[in-house]
């Protein structure tokens, strides 16, 4: 005889730890943030060392954001954890593109104005942020958008509720 499902199971949220759900969501958010920042940093380093712009590292951003949520929440699965993973994958995508933009913007400023000026344009300077925001339309080509969509799908899929079908 089947037992009725608990409300948390019906909503697609697993509760297999002793932690309150709000704590698991918070920890999942921290894990997603850490995963997204690590992936974005690795993406920026790859662009810096190869001096090549590419968008496929977005897959890693989505994956690490999803895994970060899963690990941080102690295996939390379901729609709320998926939403957190999606949000942090978007943050990671923005940070990865920002890091890539910075590498090429700084090189361009150095070539056009010299190292004295480019030395004043830091990674987190308001100048760099303003230039990035002004250029965002040019940065979002169809190829980049495709990779971003794939990354978000991956982030959404990692903490997805697993079916119990045998």
N, C-alpha and C. Protein backbone atom coordinates (compact mmCIF):
# COMPACT_ATOMS: atom_id res chain seq x y z
N UNK A 1 0.84 -1.18 0.00
CA UNK A 1 0.00 0.00 0.00
C UNK A 1 0.89 1.24 0.00
N UNK A 2 0.55 2.19 -0.85
CA UNK A 2 1.36 3.40 -0.96
C UNK A 2 0.98 4.39 0.13
N UNK A 3 1.98 5.07 0.62
CA UNK A 3 1.73 6.11 1.61
C UNK A 3 1.62 7.44 0.90
N UNK A 4 0.80 8.34 1.42
CA UNK A 4 0.68 9.65 0.77
C UNK A 4 2.00 10.41 0.84
N UNK A 5 2.25 11.17 -0.21
CA UNK A 5 3.49 11.95 -0.26
C UNK A 5 3.38 13.16 0.65
N UNK A 6 4.50 13.54 1.22
CA UNK A 6 4.52 14.75 2.04
C UNK A 6 4.39 15.96 1.13
N UNK A 7 3.92 17.09 1.65
CA UNK A 7 3.80 18.29 0.83
C UNK A 7 5.11 18.70 0.17
N UNK A 8 6.24 18.49 0.85
CA UNK A 8 7.52 18.89 0.26
C UNK A 8 7.87 18.00 -0.92
N UNK A 9 7.50 16.71 -0.87
CA UNK A 9 7.78 15.83 -1.99
C UNK A 9 6.87 16.17 -3.16
N UNK A 10 5.62 16.52 -2.87
CA UNK A 10 4.69 16.88 -3.93
C UNK A 10 5.16 18.12 -4.67
N UNK A 11 5.79 19.05 -3.99
CA UNK A 11 6.24 20.29 -4.64
C UNK A 11 7.57 20.11 -5.34
N UNK A 12 8.17 18.92 -5.24
CA UNK A 12 9.42 18.67 -5.93
C UNK A 12 10.64 19.09 -5.14
N UNK A 13 10.52 19.26 -3.84
CA UNK A 13 11.65 19.65 -3.00
C UNK A 13 11.95 18.48 -2.07
N UNK A 14 13.17 18.03 -2.09
CA UNK A 14 13.53 16.93 -1.22
C UNK A 14 13.97 17.46 0.14
N UNK A 15 13.64 16.74 1.18
CA UNK A 15 14.04 17.12 2.53
C UNK A 15 14.69 15.91 3.20
N UNK A 16 15.87 15.55 2.75
CA UNK A 16 16.51 14.36 3.28
C UNK A 16 17.62 14.67 4.28
N UNK A 17 17.70 15.91 4.75
CA UNK A 17 18.67 16.26 5.80
C UNK A 17 17.90 16.82 6.98
N UNK A 18 18.58 17.01 8.08
CA UNK A 18 17.93 17.56 9.26
C UNK A 18 17.87 19.08 9.25
N UNK A 19 18.42 19.71 8.23
CA UNK A 19 18.45 21.17 8.18
C UNK A 19 17.11 21.73 7.73
N UNK A 20 16.70 22.87 8.28
CA UNK A 20 15.49 23.52 7.79
C UNK A 20 15.66 23.91 6.32
N UNK A 21 14.56 23.92 5.59
CA UNK A 21 14.61 24.21 4.16
C UNK A 21 15.22 25.58 3.88
N UNK A 22 14.91 26.58 4.69
CA UNK A 22 15.44 27.92 4.45
C UNK A 22 16.96 27.93 4.56
N UNK A 23 17.51 27.13 5.46
CA UNK A 23 18.96 27.04 5.61
C UNK A 23 19.56 26.36 4.38
N UNK A 24 18.91 25.30 3.92
CA UNK A 24 19.40 24.61 2.72
C UNK A 24 19.35 25.51 1.49
N UNK A 25 18.31 26.32 1.39
CA UNK A 25 18.22 27.25 0.26
C UNK A 25 19.33 28.30 0.34
N UNK A 26 19.56 28.81 1.54
CA UNK A 26 20.62 29.80 1.74
C UNK A 26 21.99 29.20 1.41
N UNK A 27 22.26 28.01 1.94
CA UNK A 27 23.54 27.35 1.67
C UNK A 27 23.68 26.99 0.19
N UNK A 28 22.57 26.61 -0.43
CA UNK A 28 22.59 26.35 -1.86
C UNK A 28 22.94 27.61 -2.65
N UNK A 29 22.41 28.75 -2.19
CA UNK A 29 22.75 30.02 -2.83
C UNK A 29 24.22 30.36 -2.69
N UNK A 30 24.77 30.12 -1.52
CA UNK A 30 26.20 30.35 -1.32
C UNK A 30 27.01 29.44 -2.24
N UNK A 31 26.61 28.17 -2.30
CA UNK A 31 27.31 27.23 -3.19
C UNK A 31 27.21 27.63 -4.64
N UNK A 32 26.02 28.06 -5.07
CA UNK A 32 25.83 28.51 -6.45
C UNK A 32 26.69 29.73 -6.76
N UNK A 33 26.75 30.66 -5.80
CA UNK A 33 27.58 31.85 -5.98
C UNK A 33 29.05 31.47 -6.13
N UNK A 34 29.52 30.60 -5.24
CA UNK A 34 30.93 30.18 -5.30
C UNK A 34 31.22 29.47 -6.62
N UNK A 35 30.34 28.56 -7.03
CA UNK A 35 30.54 27.86 -8.29
C UNK A 35 30.57 28.80 -9.48
N UNK A 36 29.66 29.76 -9.50
CA UNK A 36 29.60 30.71 -10.61
C UNK A 36 30.83 31.61 -10.65
N UNK A 37 31.28 32.07 -9.49
CA UNK A 37 32.46 32.94 -9.44
C UNK A 37 33.72 32.17 -9.84
N UNK A 38 33.86 30.93 -9.39
CA UNK A 38 35.02 30.13 -9.78
C UNK A 38 35.03 29.92 -11.29
N UNK A 39 33.88 29.55 -11.85
CA UNK A 39 33.81 29.31 -13.30
C UNK A 39 34.09 30.59 -14.08
N UNK A 40 33.54 31.71 -13.64
CA UNK A 40 33.78 32.98 -14.32
C UNK A 40 35.25 33.37 -14.23
N UNK A 41 35.86 33.14 -13.08
CA UNK A 41 37.29 33.43 -12.92
C UNK A 41 38.16 32.58 -13.83
N UNK A 42 37.83 31.30 -13.92
CA UNK A 42 38.58 30.42 -14.82
C UNK A 42 38.40 30.84 -16.27
N UNK A 43 37.20 31.26 -16.61
CA UNK A 43 36.92 31.75 -17.96
C UNK A 43 37.77 32.99 -18.24
N UNK A 44 37.79 33.92 -17.31
CA UNK A 44 38.60 35.12 -17.48
C UNK A 44 40.08 34.82 -17.59
N UNK A 45 40.57 33.88 -16.79
CA UNK A 45 41.98 33.49 -16.88
C UNK A 45 42.30 32.84 -18.22
N UNK A 46 41.38 32.02 -18.71
CA UNK A 46 41.60 31.38 -20.02
C UNK A 46 41.68 32.44 -21.12
N UNK A 47 40.81 33.43 -21.06
CA UNK A 47 40.86 34.51 -22.05
C UNK A 47 42.15 35.29 -21.91
N UNK A 48 42.55 35.58 -20.69
CA UNK A 48 43.77 36.35 -20.44
C UNK A 48 45.00 35.63 -20.99
N UNK A 49 45.12 34.33 -20.71
CA UNK A 49 46.33 33.61 -21.11
C UNK A 49 46.33 33.20 -22.58
N UNK A 50 45.16 33.01 -23.17
CA UNK A 50 45.13 32.63 -24.59
C UNK A 50 44.94 33.83 -25.50
N UNK A 51 44.53 34.96 -24.92
CA UNK A 51 44.21 36.16 -25.69
C UNK A 51 43.22 35.85 -26.80
N UNK A 52 42.27 35.00 -26.48
CA UNK A 52 41.23 34.59 -27.42
C UNK A 52 39.88 34.71 -26.74
N UNK A 53 38.92 35.27 -27.45
CA UNK A 53 37.56 35.39 -26.92
C UNK A 53 36.77 34.16 -27.34
N UNK A 54 36.15 33.52 -26.39
CA UNK A 54 35.28 32.39 -26.69
C UNK A 54 34.15 32.34 -25.68
N UNK A 55 33.04 31.74 -26.09
CA UNK A 55 31.85 31.71 -25.24
C UNK A 55 31.54 30.33 -24.69
N UNK A 56 32.18 29.29 -25.21
CA UNK A 56 31.83 27.95 -24.74
C UNK A 56 32.13 27.69 -23.27
N UNK A 57 33.02 28.46 -22.59
CA UNK A 57 33.16 28.24 -21.14
C UNK A 57 31.87 28.53 -20.37
N UNK A 58 30.89 29.11 -21.03
CA UNK A 58 29.59 29.33 -20.39
C UNK A 58 29.01 28.01 -19.88
N UNK A 59 29.31 26.92 -20.58
CA UNK A 59 28.83 25.61 -20.14
C UNK A 59 29.36 25.31 -18.74
N UNK A 60 30.63 25.60 -18.51
CA UNK A 60 31.22 25.38 -17.19
C UNK A 60 30.57 26.25 -16.13
N UNK A 61 30.19 27.46 -16.50
CA UNK A 61 29.52 28.35 -15.55
C UNK A 61 28.20 27.73 -15.12
N UNK A 62 27.42 27.28 -16.09
CA UNK A 62 26.13 26.66 -15.76
C UNK A 62 26.30 25.42 -14.91
N UNK A 63 27.27 24.59 -15.29
CA UNK A 63 27.50 23.35 -14.56
C UNK A 63 27.96 23.62 -13.13
N UNK A 64 28.95 24.50 -12.96
CA UNK A 64 29.47 24.76 -11.61
C UNK A 64 28.45 25.50 -10.73
N UNK A 65 27.63 26.35 -11.33
CA UNK A 65 26.57 26.99 -10.55
C UNK A 65 25.58 25.94 -10.05
N UNK A 66 25.19 25.02 -10.94
CA UNK A 66 24.26 23.96 -10.54
C UNK A 66 24.86 23.02 -9.51
N UNK A 67 26.10 22.61 -9.73
CA UNK A 67 26.77 21.72 -8.77
C UNK A 67 26.96 22.44 -7.44
N UNK A 68 27.29 23.73 -7.50
CA UNK A 68 27.46 24.50 -6.26
C UNK A 68 26.18 24.53 -5.44
N UNK A 69 25.05 24.70 -6.10
CA UNK A 69 23.77 24.68 -5.39
C UNK A 69 23.51 23.30 -4.81
N UNK A 70 23.76 22.28 -5.60
CA UNK A 70 23.53 20.90 -5.15
C UNK A 70 24.40 20.54 -3.95
N UNK A 71 25.68 20.88 -4.02
CA UNK A 71 26.60 20.56 -2.93
C UNK A 71 26.32 21.45 -1.71
N UNK A 72 26.15 22.74 -1.95
CA UNK A 72 25.92 23.66 -0.84
C UNK A 72 24.65 23.36 -0.06
N UNK A 73 23.64 22.86 -0.75
CA UNK A 73 22.36 22.57 -0.09
C UNK A 73 22.28 21.14 0.42
N UNK A 74 23.39 20.44 0.38
CA UNK A 74 23.43 19.04 0.81
C UNK A 74 22.47 18.17 0.00
N UNK A 75 22.52 18.36 -1.32
CA UNK A 75 21.72 17.52 -2.21
C UNK A 75 20.33 18.03 -2.49
N UNK A 76 20.09 19.30 -2.25
CA UNK A 76 18.76 19.85 -2.49
C UNK A 76 18.39 19.80 -3.96
N UNK A 77 17.22 19.29 -4.22
CA UNK A 77 16.72 19.19 -5.59
C UNK A 77 15.30 19.73 -5.63
N UNK A 78 14.92 20.19 -6.78
CA UNK A 78 13.57 20.69 -6.97
C UNK A 78 13.59 22.10 -7.52
N UNK A 79 12.42 22.62 -7.74
CA UNK A 79 12.24 23.88 -8.45
C UNK A 79 12.94 25.06 -7.77
N UNK A 80 12.93 25.13 -6.46
CA UNK A 80 13.58 26.25 -5.78
C UNK A 80 15.09 26.21 -5.95
N UNK A 81 15.66 25.03 -5.85
CA UNK A 81 17.11 24.88 -6.03
C UNK A 81 17.48 25.12 -7.50
N UNK A 82 16.61 24.71 -8.41
CA UNK A 82 16.85 24.97 -9.82
C UNK A 82 16.85 26.47 -10.11
N UNK A 83 15.91 27.18 -9.51
CA UNK A 83 15.83 28.63 -9.71
C UNK A 83 17.09 29.32 -9.18
N UNK A 84 17.58 28.86 -8.05
CA UNK A 84 18.81 29.44 -7.49
C UNK A 84 19.98 29.18 -8.44
N UNK A 85 20.08 27.96 -8.95
CA UNK A 85 21.16 27.62 -9.88
C UNK A 85 21.07 28.46 -11.14
N UNK A 86 19.87 28.66 -11.65
CA UNK A 86 19.68 29.48 -12.84
C UNK A 86 20.14 30.91 -12.58
N UNK A 87 19.72 31.47 -11.45
CA UNK A 87 20.10 32.85 -11.12
C UNK A 87 21.62 33.02 -11.04
N UNK A 88 22.27 32.09 -10.36
CA UNK A 88 23.71 32.23 -10.21
C UNK A 88 24.46 31.90 -11.50
N UNK A 89 23.86 31.09 -12.37
CA UNK A 89 24.51 30.88 -13.67
C UNK A 89 24.46 32.17 -14.48
N UNK A 90 23.37 32.92 -14.39
CA UNK A 90 23.30 34.21 -15.08
C UNK A 90 24.33 35.18 -14.53
N UNK A 91 24.49 35.19 -13.22
CA UNK A 91 25.53 36.03 -12.61
C UNK A 91 26.91 35.61 -13.10
N UNK A 92 27.18 34.32 -13.11
CA UNK A 92 28.47 33.81 -13.59
C UNK A 92 28.72 34.15 -15.05
N UNK A 93 27.67 34.07 -15.87
CA UNK A 93 27.82 34.44 -17.28
C UNK A 93 28.19 35.91 -17.41
N UNK A 94 27.52 36.75 -16.64
CA UNK A 94 27.83 38.19 -16.68
C UNK A 94 29.27 38.44 -16.23
N UNK A 95 29.69 37.77 -15.16
CA UNK A 95 31.06 37.96 -14.66
C UNK A 95 32.09 37.43 -15.65
N UNK A 96 31.82 36.30 -16.28
CA UNK A 96 32.74 35.75 -17.27
C UNK A 96 32.90 36.66 -18.47
N UNK A 97 31.78 37.19 -18.94
CA UNK A 97 31.86 38.13 -20.07
C UNK A 97 32.54 39.42 -19.65
N UNK A 98 32.30 39.85 -18.43
CA UNK A 98 32.94 41.06 -17.93
C UNK A 98 34.46 40.88 -17.87
N UNK A 99 34.90 39.73 -17.38
CA UNK A 99 36.35 39.46 -17.31
C UNK A 99 36.96 39.43 -18.70
N UNK A 100 36.26 38.79 -19.64
CA UNK A 100 36.75 38.75 -21.03
C UNK A 100 36.82 40.16 -21.61
N UNK A 101 35.77 40.93 -21.37
CA UNK A 101 35.72 42.30 -21.86
C UNK A 101 36.89 43.10 -21.30
N UNK A 102 37.16 42.95 -20.02
CA UNK A 102 38.24 43.69 -19.38
C UNK A 102 39.58 43.39 -20.04
N UNK A 103 39.85 42.13 -20.32
CA UNK A 103 41.13 41.75 -20.94
C UNK A 103 41.32 42.49 -22.26
N UNK A 104 40.29 42.48 -23.09
CA UNK A 104 40.43 43.10 -24.41
C UNK A 104 40.33 44.62 -24.35
N UNK A 105 39.53 45.15 -23.44
CA UNK A 105 39.44 46.61 -23.30
C UNK A 105 40.77 47.18 -22.82
N UNK A 106 41.38 46.51 -21.86
CA UNK A 106 42.67 46.99 -21.35
C UNK A 106 43.74 46.93 -22.44
N UNK A 107 43.76 45.85 -23.22
CA UNK A 107 44.71 45.76 -24.33
C UNK A 107 44.48 46.87 -25.34
N UNK A 108 43.22 47.15 -25.64
CA UNK A 108 42.90 48.21 -26.60
C UNK A 108 43.31 49.58 -26.08
N UNK A 109 43.06 49.84 -24.81
CA UNK A 109 43.45 51.12 -24.22
C UNK A 109 44.97 51.26 -24.20
N UNK A 110 45.67 50.17 -23.91
CA UNK A 110 47.14 50.19 -23.91
C UNK A 110 47.67 50.52 -25.30
N UNK A 111 47.11 49.90 -26.32
CA UNK A 111 47.56 50.13 -27.70
C UNK A 111 47.27 51.55 -28.15
N UNK A 112 46.11 52.08 -27.78
CA UNK A 112 45.71 53.40 -28.26
C UNK A 112 46.22 54.56 -27.42
N UNK A 113 46.39 54.34 -26.12
CA UNK A 113 46.72 55.46 -25.24
C UNK A 113 47.97 55.23 -24.39
N UNK A 114 48.52 54.05 -24.41
CA UNK A 114 49.73 53.77 -23.64
C UNK A 114 49.44 53.13 -22.29
N UNK A 115 50.51 52.64 -21.69
CA UNK A 115 50.36 51.92 -20.43
C UNK A 115 50.01 52.84 -19.26
N UNK A 116 50.34 54.11 -19.37
CA UNK A 116 50.02 55.05 -18.29
C UNK A 116 48.53 55.15 -18.07
N UNK A 117 47.77 55.22 -19.14
CA UNK A 117 46.31 55.31 -19.04
C UNK A 117 45.71 53.95 -18.68
N UNK A 118 46.18 52.90 -19.34
CA UNK A 118 45.58 51.57 -19.09
C UNK A 118 45.85 51.10 -17.67
N UNK A 119 46.92 51.57 -17.06
CA UNK A 119 47.20 51.21 -15.68
C UNK A 119 46.17 51.77 -14.71
N UNK A 120 45.46 52.82 -15.13
CA UNK A 120 44.42 53.43 -14.30
C UNK A 120 43.06 52.78 -14.47
N UNK A 121 42.96 51.85 -15.42
CA UNK A 121 41.68 51.19 -15.68
C UNK A 121 41.75 49.79 -15.08
N UNK A 122 41.24 49.67 -13.87
CA UNK A 122 41.29 48.39 -13.16
C UNK A 122 40.09 47.51 -13.47
N UNK A 123 40.20 46.28 -13.04
CA UNK A 123 39.13 45.30 -13.27
C UNK A 123 37.81 45.77 -12.68
N UNK A 124 37.84 46.36 -11.51
CA UNK A 124 36.61 46.77 -10.84
C UNK A 124 36.41 48.29 -10.85
N UNK A 125 37.06 48.98 -11.78
CA UNK A 125 36.92 50.44 -11.83
C UNK A 125 35.57 50.82 -12.45
N UNK A 126 35.12 52.01 -12.11
CA UNK A 126 33.86 52.50 -12.67
C UNK A 126 33.98 52.70 -14.17
N UNK A 127 35.18 53.02 -14.65
CA UNK A 127 35.40 53.18 -16.09
C UNK A 127 35.16 51.87 -16.82
N UNK A 128 35.73 50.80 -16.31
CA UNK A 128 35.56 49.49 -16.94
C UNK A 128 34.09 49.08 -16.91
N UNK A 129 33.44 49.27 -15.78
CA UNK A 129 32.03 48.91 -15.67
C UNK A 129 31.18 49.72 -16.64
N UNK A 130 31.44 51.01 -16.76
CA UNK A 130 30.69 51.86 -17.69
C UNK A 130 30.90 51.42 -19.13
N UNK A 131 32.16 51.14 -19.49
CA UNK A 131 32.45 50.67 -20.85
C UNK A 131 31.74 49.34 -21.13
N UNK A 132 31.73 48.46 -20.15
CA UNK A 132 31.07 47.15 -20.32
C UNK A 132 29.58 47.33 -20.55
N UNK A 133 28.95 48.16 -19.74
CA UNK A 133 27.50 48.38 -19.88
C UNK A 133 27.18 49.03 -21.22
N UNK A 134 28.00 49.99 -21.65
CA UNK A 134 27.78 50.64 -22.94
C UNK A 134 27.96 49.67 -24.11
N UNK A 135 28.81 48.67 -23.95
CA UNK A 135 29.13 47.75 -25.04
C UNK A 135 28.34 46.46 -25.01
N UNK A 136 27.46 46.28 -24.04
CA UNK A 136 26.79 44.99 -23.87
C UNK A 136 26.03 44.55 -25.12
N UNK A 137 25.44 45.48 -25.82
CA UNK A 137 24.71 45.14 -27.05
C UNK A 137 25.60 44.55 -28.12
N UNK A 138 26.81 45.06 -28.22
CA UNK A 138 27.77 44.54 -29.20
C UNK A 138 28.33 43.19 -28.78
N UNK A 139 28.37 42.93 -27.49
CA UNK A 139 28.94 41.69 -26.98
C UNK A 139 27.99 40.50 -27.13
N UNK A 140 26.70 40.77 -27.18
CA UNK A 140 25.71 39.70 -27.20
C UNK A 140 25.34 39.33 -28.63
N UNK A 141 26.23 38.65 -29.30
CA UNK A 141 25.93 38.14 -30.63
C UNK A 141 25.15 36.83 -30.51
N UNK A 142 24.55 36.35 -31.60
CA UNK A 142 23.75 35.11 -31.52
C UNK A 142 24.53 33.91 -30.97
N UNK A 143 25.79 33.79 -31.32
CA UNK A 143 26.60 32.67 -30.85
C UNK A 143 26.74 32.71 -29.33
N UNK A 144 26.98 33.88 -28.79
CA UNK A 144 27.10 34.05 -27.34
C UNK A 144 25.79 33.72 -26.65
N UNK A 145 24.69 34.14 -27.24
CA UNK A 145 23.38 33.88 -26.65
C UNK A 145 23.07 32.39 -26.64
N UNK A 146 23.46 31.68 -27.70
CA UNK A 146 23.24 30.22 -27.74
C UNK A 146 23.99 29.55 -26.59
N UNK A 147 25.26 29.92 -26.39
CA UNK A 147 26.03 29.32 -25.30
C UNK A 147 25.43 29.67 -23.95
N UNK A 148 24.92 30.89 -23.81
CA UNK A 148 24.30 31.29 -22.55
C UNK A 148 23.04 30.47 -22.27
N UNK A 149 22.25 30.24 -23.30
CA UNK A 149 21.04 29.42 -23.14
C UNK A 149 21.42 28.00 -22.72
N UNK A 150 22.44 27.44 -23.36
CA UNK A 150 22.90 26.10 -23.00
C UNK A 150 23.36 26.08 -21.54
N UNK A 151 24.08 27.11 -21.12
CA UNK A 151 24.57 27.19 -19.74
C UNK A 151 23.42 27.23 -18.74
N UNK A 152 22.40 28.01 -19.05
CA UNK A 152 21.25 28.13 -18.16
C UNK A 152 20.49 26.80 -18.08
N UNK A 153 20.36 26.13 -19.22
CA UNK A 153 19.70 24.82 -19.23
C UNK A 153 20.47 23.82 -18.37
N UNK A 154 21.79 23.84 -18.49
CA UNK A 154 22.61 22.95 -17.67
C UNK A 154 22.45 23.28 -16.19
N UNK A 155 22.52 24.56 -15.85
CA UNK A 155 22.36 24.96 -14.44
C UNK A 155 21.00 24.52 -13.91
N UNK A 156 19.97 24.65 -14.71
CA UNK A 156 18.62 24.26 -14.32
C UNK A 156 18.51 22.74 -14.14
N UNK A 157 19.25 22.01 -14.95
CA UNK A 157 19.15 20.55 -14.96
C UNK A 157 19.87 19.88 -13.79
N UNK A 158 20.96 20.45 -13.33
CA UNK A 158 21.77 19.77 -12.30
C UNK A 158 20.96 19.49 -11.03
N UNK A 159 20.26 20.48 -10.43
CA UNK A 159 19.51 20.17 -9.22
C UNK A 159 18.05 19.74 -9.48
N UNK A 160 17.78 19.25 -10.69
CA UNK A 160 16.43 18.82 -11.05
C UNK A 160 16.01 17.63 -10.18
N UNK A 161 14.74 17.57 -9.87
CA UNK A 161 14.19 16.45 -9.10
C UNK A 161 14.33 15.18 -9.93
N UNK A 162 14.91 14.16 -9.35
CA UNK A 162 15.08 12.90 -10.05
C UNK A 162 13.81 12.08 -9.94
N UNK A 163 13.45 11.45 -11.05
CA UNK A 163 12.24 10.62 -11.03
C UNK A 163 12.52 9.33 -10.28
N UNK A 164 11.49 8.77 -9.69
CA UNK A 164 11.62 7.54 -8.92
C UNK A 164 11.19 6.32 -9.72
N UNK A 165 11.19 6.45 -11.04
CA UNK A 165 10.78 5.34 -11.90
C UNK A 165 11.86 4.28 -11.92
N UNK A 166 11.44 3.04 -11.83
CA UNK A 166 12.41 1.93 -11.82
C UNK A 166 12.51 1.30 -13.17
